[in-house]
Protein backbone atom coordinates (compact mmCIF):
# COMPACT_ATOMS: atom_id res chain seq x y z
CA MET A 1 -6.28 -12.30 -6.08
CA PRO A 2 -6.82 -10.29 -9.15
CA THR A 3 -8.17 -6.86 -9.90
CA ASN A 4 -11.77 -7.00 -11.66
CA VAL A 5 -13.32 -4.15 -13.61
CA LEU A 6 -16.79 -3.93 -14.38
CA ASP A 7 -17.69 -1.60 -17.28
CA ASN A 8 -20.99 0.07 -18.19
CA ILE A 9 -22.85 -0.62 -14.93
CA LYS A 10 -25.63 1.68 -14.75
CA GLY A 11 -26.12 3.71 -11.54
CA SER A 12 -29.38 2.03 -10.83
CA GLU A 13 -27.55 -1.34 -10.61
CA LEU A 14 -25.01 -0.31 -7.90
CA PRO A 15 -25.66 -1.43 -4.55
CA LYS A 16 -27.75 1.40 -2.79
CA ALA A 17 -24.90 2.24 -0.29
CA TRP A 18 -22.49 2.71 -3.29
CA ALA A 19 -24.96 4.81 -5.25
CA GLU A 20 -25.62 7.06 -2.25
CA LYS A 21 -21.96 7.55 -1.41
CA ILE A 22 -21.04 8.58 -4.94
CA LYS A 23 -24.25 10.53 -5.79
CA ALA A 24 -24.79 8.16 -8.77
CA ILE A 25 -27.06 9.03 -11.45
CA PRO A 26 -29.51 6.11 -11.99
CA ASP A 27 -29.28 6.46 -16.07
CA GLU A 28 -25.52 7.17 -15.93
CA SER A 29 -22.94 4.21 -16.73
CA TYR A 30 -20.14 3.70 -14.42
CA THR A 31 -16.93 1.74 -14.30
CA VAL A 32 -16.33 -0.21 -10.98
CA THR A 33 -12.93 -1.43 -10.08
CA ILE A 34 -12.56 -4.16 -7.38
CA ARG A 35 -9.19 -5.10 -5.80
CA PRO A 36 -8.15 -6.51 -2.67
CA GLN A 37 -7.00 -3.74 -0.13
CA ARG A 38 -3.59 -4.04 1.17
CA GLU A 39 -2.21 -2.20 4.13
CA SER A 40 0.29 0.39 3.22
CA LYS A 41 3.22 1.46 5.11
CA SER A 42 5.12 4.64 5.13
CA LEU A 43 8.74 4.64 4.21
CA LYS A 44 9.88 5.38 7.66
CA GLN A 45 7.84 2.35 8.94
CA VAL A 46 9.63 0.04 6.26
CA MET A 47 12.91 1.42 7.33
CA SER A 48 12.15 0.93 10.88
CA GLU A 49 11.11 -2.73 10.22
CA LEU A 50 14.24 -3.34 8.11
CA SER A 51 16.58 -1.87 10.70
CA ARG A 52 14.99 -4.08 13.37
CA LYS A 53 15.37 -7.22 11.42
CA ALA A 54 18.75 -6.29 10.49
CA GLN A 55 19.93 -5.86 14.05
CA ALA A 56 17.96 -9.14 15.13
CA ARG A 57 20.28 -10.88 12.49
CA GLY A 58 23.43 -9.58 14.15
CA LEU A 59 24.14 -6.20 11.78
CA THR A 60 25.99 -3.47 13.89
CA PRO A 61 26.94 -0.18 12.83
CA GLU A 62 30.63 -1.40 12.38
CA LYS A 63 29.49 -4.36 10.18
CA LEU A 64 27.29 -1.97 7.81
CA GLU A 65 30.38 0.58 7.63
CA GLU A 66 32.54 -2.32 6.50
CA ILE A 67 30.02 -3.41 4.03
CA LEU A 68 29.41 0.13 2.62
CA GLY A 69 33.16 1.28 2.88
CA GLU A 70 32.16 4.48 4.53
CA LYS A 71 31.52 6.05 7.96
CA ILE A 72 27.70 5.87 9.26
CA THR A 73 26.53 8.57 11.25
CA HIS A 74 22.98 7.87 11.73
CA ILE A 75 22.03 4.42 12.11
CA PHE A 76 19.83 2.10 14.48
């Protein structure tokens, strides 16, 4: 879903809950950006997920060392 931008929206035209939340001034113009919210993950979460998937597909520390050509000290 694409991002939608609404320019020059008067504070008085905003939904009441939004206006109250941002303390909108009725005669002031605002820009409203609407985009889908996506779940974001930390780098640690992403790396843990990748590690689990790699293990499930048969990657071992030995295979990873062979691929990288260097000794792995902290893995899995």
